[in-house]
């Protein structure tokens, strides 16, 4: 999915991606699922977790397990896409 498609088909996910980028541009750490949820006005952490997973599946984020356990938590980062790098 391109960013233009994301903005057209999933504007809330695009807003989350913009929020993440603005936090990183301000030299703050990658926002947690709770911080994303608060920013978006969601009441639970699960909304933030779901949108992070979806942005990862769509190719906008990278993730790395923070432990080797089956219940590993993930650390996310913005993925450099070919169109962005050019």
N, C-alpha and C. Protein backbone atom coordinates (compact mmCIF):
# COMPACT_ATOMS: atom_id res chain seq x y z
N UNK A 1 0.85 -1.17 0.00
CA UNK A 1 0.00 0.00 0.00
C UNK A 1 0.90 1.24 0.00
N UNK A 2 0.57 2.17 -0.86
CA UNK A 2 1.32 3.43 -0.87
C UNK A 2 0.76 4.36 0.19
N UNK A 3 1.51 5.42 0.48
CA UNK A 3 1.01 6.36 1.48
C UNK A 3 -0.24 7.09 0.99
N UNK A 4 -0.32 7.36 -0.30
CA UNK A 4 -1.53 8.00 -0.85
C UNK A 4 -2.75 7.09 -0.66
N UNK A 5 -2.58 5.79 -0.90
CA UNK A 5 -3.67 4.84 -0.68
C UNK A 5 -4.05 4.78 0.80
N UNK A 6 -3.05 4.80 1.67
CA UNK A 6 -3.31 4.78 3.10
C UNK A 6 -4.15 5.98 3.50
N UNK A 7 -3.80 7.15 3.02
CA UNK A 7 -4.52 8.38 3.37
C UNK A 7 -5.96 8.34 2.86
N UNK A 8 -6.15 7.74 1.69
CA UNK A 8 -7.49 7.67 1.12
C UNK A 8 -8.34 6.58 1.78
N UNK A 9 -7.76 5.40 2.00
CA UNK A 9 -8.52 4.25 2.49
C UNK A 9 -8.56 4.11 4.00
N UNK A 10 -7.56 4.67 4.69
CA UNK A 10 -7.48 4.49 6.15
C UNK A 10 -6.95 5.77 6.79
N UNK A 11 -7.74 6.84 6.78
CA UNK A 11 -7.24 8.13 7.27
C UNK A 11 -6.83 8.11 8.74
N UNK A 12 -7.44 7.29 9.58
CA UNK A 12 -7.03 7.23 11.00
C UNK A 12 -5.63 6.63 11.13
N UNK A 13 -5.35 5.61 10.35
CA UNK A 13 -3.99 5.03 10.36
C UNK A 13 -2.98 6.06 9.87
N UNK A 14 -3.36 6.85 8.87
CA UNK A 14 -2.47 7.90 8.36
C UNK A 14 -2.23 8.94 9.45
N UNK A 15 -3.24 9.26 10.25
CA UNK A 15 -3.06 10.21 11.35
C UNK A 15 -2.09 9.66 12.39
N UNK A 16 -2.17 8.38 12.67
CA UNK A 16 -1.24 7.76 13.61
C UNK A 16 0.18 7.82 13.06
N UNK A 17 0.34 7.51 11.78
CA UNK A 17 1.66 7.57 11.16
C UNK A 17 2.21 9.00 11.23
N UNK A 18 1.38 9.99 10.99
CA UNK A 18 1.81 11.39 11.10
C UNK A 18 2.23 11.73 12.53
N UNK A 19 1.47 11.23 13.52
CA UNK A 19 1.80 11.46 14.92
C UNK A 19 3.15 10.84 15.26
N UNK A 20 3.38 9.61 14.83
CA UNK A 20 4.65 8.94 15.08
C UNK A 20 5.80 9.74 14.46
N UNK A 21 5.63 10.15 13.23
CA UNK A 21 6.68 10.93 12.56
C UNK A 21 6.94 12.26 13.26
N UNK A 22 5.89 12.91 13.74
CA UNK A 22 6.07 14.19 14.43
C UNK A 22 6.81 13.99 15.75
N UNK A 23 6.52 12.91 16.45
CA UNK A 23 7.24 12.62 17.70
C UNK A 23 8.72 12.37 17.43
N UNK A 24 9.01 11.60 16.40
CA UNK A 24 10.40 11.31 16.06
C UNK A 24 11.13 12.56 15.55
N UNK A 25 10.43 13.40 14.78
CA UNK A 25 11.03 14.64 14.28
C UNK A 25 11.36 15.59 15.43
N UNK A 26 10.58 15.53 16.50
CA UNK A 26 10.82 16.37 17.68
C UNK A 26 11.87 15.72 18.60
N UNK A 27 12.50 14.65 18.11
CA UNK A 27 13.55 13.93 18.83
C UNK A 27 13.04 13.30 20.14
N UNK A 28 11.77 12.93 20.14
CA UNK A 28 11.21 12.18 21.24
C UNK A 28 11.25 10.69 20.86
N UNK A 29 11.17 9.80 21.85
CA UNK A 29 11.19 8.36 21.52
C UNK A 29 9.91 7.94 20.79
N UNK A 30 10.01 6.79 20.15
CA UNK A 30 8.84 6.24 19.44
C UNK A 30 7.71 6.12 20.45
N UNK A 31 6.51 6.64 20.13
CA UNK A 31 5.41 6.63 21.09
C UNK A 31 4.90 5.22 21.39
N UNK A 32 4.49 5.01 22.62
CA UNK A 32 3.93 3.72 23.02
C UNK A 32 2.50 3.60 22.50
N UNK A 33 1.97 2.40 22.59
CA UNK A 33 0.57 2.18 22.19
C UNK A 33 -0.36 3.04 23.04
N UNK A 34 -0.04 3.21 24.34
CA UNK A 34 -0.85 4.07 25.21
C UNK A 34 -0.81 5.52 24.75
N UNK A 35 0.38 6.01 24.41
CA UNK A 35 0.51 7.40 23.95
C UNK A 35 -0.24 7.62 22.64
N UNK A 36 -0.15 6.65 21.75
CA UNK A 36 -0.88 6.74 20.49
C UNK A 36 -2.38 6.78 20.77
N UNK A 37 -2.85 5.89 21.64
CA UNK A 37 -4.27 5.87 21.98
C UNK A 37 -4.75 7.18 22.59
N UNK A 38 -3.96 7.73 23.51
CA UNK A 38 -4.34 9.02 24.12
C UNK A 38 -4.40 10.12 23.07
N UNK A 39 -3.40 10.15 22.20
CA UNK A 39 -3.37 11.18 21.15
C UNK A 39 -4.59 11.08 20.23
N UNK A 40 -5.00 9.85 19.93
CA UNK A 40 -6.12 9.64 19.02
C UNK A 40 -7.48 9.72 19.73
N UNK A 41 -7.46 9.80 21.07
CA UNK A 41 -8.72 9.87 21.81
C UNK A 41 -9.36 8.52 22.06
N UNK A 42 -8.57 7.44 21.96
CA UNK A 42 -9.09 6.11 22.21
C UNK A 42 -9.00 5.81 23.70
N UNK A 43 -9.87 4.97 24.18
CA UNK A 43 -9.94 4.68 25.62
C UNK A 43 -9.07 3.52 26.06
N UNK A 44 -8.66 2.68 25.15
CA UNK A 44 -7.88 1.49 25.53
C UNK A 44 -6.58 1.43 24.75
N UNK A 45 -5.64 0.67 25.30
CA UNK A 45 -4.35 0.47 24.65
C UNK A 45 -4.48 -0.40 23.41
N UNK A 46 -5.50 -1.23 23.36
CA UNK A 46 -5.61 -2.19 22.25
C UNK A 46 -5.74 -1.49 20.90
N UNK A 47 -6.35 -0.32 20.86
CA UNK A 47 -6.43 0.42 19.60
C UNK A 47 -5.06 0.80 19.09
N UNK A 48 -4.20 1.26 19.99
CA UNK A 48 -2.83 1.61 19.61
C UNK A 48 -2.04 0.40 19.16
N UNK A 49 -2.20 -0.71 19.87
CA UNK A 49 -1.51 -1.95 19.48
C UNK A 49 -1.98 -2.43 18.12
N UNK A 50 -3.28 -2.36 17.89
CA UNK A 50 -3.84 -2.81 16.61
C UNK A 50 -3.32 -1.98 15.45
N UNK A 51 -3.29 -0.66 15.61
CA UNK A 51 -2.85 0.18 14.50
C UNK A 51 -1.35 0.02 14.25
N UNK A 52 -0.54 -0.22 15.29
CA UNK A 52 0.88 -0.49 15.08
C UNK A 52 1.06 -1.77 14.28
N UNK A 53 0.33 -2.81 14.65
CA UNK A 53 0.39 -4.07 13.92
C UNK A 53 -0.03 -3.89 12.46
N UNK A 54 -1.09 -3.13 12.25
CA UNK A 54 -1.60 -2.92 10.89
C UNK A 54 -0.61 -2.10 10.06
N UNK A 55 -0.02 -1.07 10.65
CA UNK A 55 0.98 -0.28 9.92
C UNK A 55 2.21 -1.13 9.59
N UNK A 56 2.56 -2.07 10.48
CA UNK A 56 3.65 -3.00 10.19
C UNK A 56 3.27 -3.90 9.02
N UNK A 57 2.06 -4.45 9.05
CA UNK A 57 1.60 -5.32 7.96
C UNK A 57 1.54 -4.58 6.63
N UNK A 58 1.19 -3.29 6.67
CA UNK A 58 1.10 -2.47 5.46
C UNK A 58 2.48 -2.04 4.96
N UNK A 59 3.54 -2.28 5.74
CA UNK A 59 4.89 -1.96 5.31
C UNK A 59 5.39 -0.59 5.70
N UNK A 60 4.70 0.10 6.60
CA UNK A 60 5.13 1.43 7.01
C UNK A 60 6.05 1.40 8.23
N UNK A 61 6.04 0.29 8.99
CA UNK A 61 6.87 0.17 10.18
C UNK A 61 7.70 -1.11 10.11
N UNK A 62 8.84 -1.08 10.77
CA UNK A 62 9.62 -2.28 11.03
C UNK A 62 9.43 -2.63 12.50
N UNK A 63 9.68 -3.88 12.86
CA UNK A 63 9.61 -4.24 14.27
C UNK A 63 10.63 -5.31 14.59
N UNK A 64 11.08 -5.27 15.85
CA UNK A 64 12.06 -6.22 16.35
C UNK A 64 11.58 -6.69 17.71
N UNK A 65 11.68 -7.97 17.96
CA UNK A 65 11.30 -8.51 19.27
C UNK A 65 12.29 -8.03 20.32
N UNK A 66 11.78 -7.63 21.48
CA UNK A 66 12.65 -7.16 22.55
C UNK A 66 13.13 -8.29 23.46
N UNK A 67 12.60 -9.49 23.25
CA UNK A 67 13.08 -10.67 23.98
C UNK A 67 12.84 -11.90 23.11
N UNK A 68 13.39 -13.02 23.53
CA UNK A 68 13.24 -14.25 22.75
C UNK A 68 12.08 -15.10 23.22
N UNK A 69 11.31 -14.61 24.18
CA UNK A 69 10.19 -15.41 24.70
C UNK A 69 9.05 -15.45 23.69
N UNK A 70 8.16 -16.40 23.90
CA UNK A 70 6.99 -16.53 23.03
C UNK A 70 6.12 -15.29 23.13
N UNK A 71 6.09 -14.67 24.30
CA UNK A 71 5.27 -13.48 24.53
C UNK A 71 6.11 -12.21 24.39
N UNK A 72 6.98 -12.18 23.41
CA UNK A 72 7.88 -11.05 23.22
C UNK A 72 7.10 -9.77 22.94
N UNK A 73 7.63 -8.68 23.42
CA UNK A 73 7.09 -7.38 23.08
C UNK A 73 7.86 -6.89 21.87
N UNK A 74 7.26 -5.94 21.15
CA UNK A 74 7.88 -5.47 19.92
C UNK A 74 8.37 -4.04 20.08
N UNK A 75 9.46 -3.74 19.42
CA UNK A 75 9.95 -2.38 19.31
C UNK A 75 9.79 -2.01 17.83
N UNK A 76 9.07 -0.93 17.59
CA UNK A 76 8.77 -0.51 16.21
C UNK A 76 9.66 0.65 15.79
N UNK A 77 9.82 0.81 14.50
CA UNK A 77 10.51 1.97 13.92
C UNK A 77 9.92 2.24 12.54
N UNK A 78 10.10 3.46 12.07
CA UNK A 78 9.61 3.83 10.74
C UNK A 78 10.45 3.13 9.69
N UNK A 79 9.81 2.51 8.73
CA UNK A 79 10.51 1.85 7.63
C UNK A 79 10.82 2.85 6.54
N UNK A 80 12.05 2.85 6.07
CA UNK A 80 12.41 3.66 4.91
C UNK A 80 11.89 2.96 3.67
N UNK A 81 10.98 3.58 2.99
CA UNK A 81 10.41 3.01 1.77
C UNK A 81 11.16 3.56 0.59
N UNK A 82 11.14 2.83 -0.52
CA UNK A 82 11.89 3.24 -1.71
C UNK A 82 11.50 4.65 -2.17
N UNK A 83 10.21 4.96 -2.19
CA UNK A 83 9.76 6.27 -2.64
C UNK A 83 10.24 7.37 -1.68
N UNK A 84 10.31 7.06 -0.37
CA UNK A 84 10.77 8.02 0.61
C UNK A 84 12.26 8.26 0.50
N UNK A 85 13.01 7.21 0.17
CA UNK A 85 14.48 7.31 0.13
C UNK A 85 14.96 8.07 -1.10
N UNK A 86 14.17 8.10 -2.15
CA UNK A 86 14.60 8.75 -3.39
C UNK A 86 14.58 10.26 -3.32
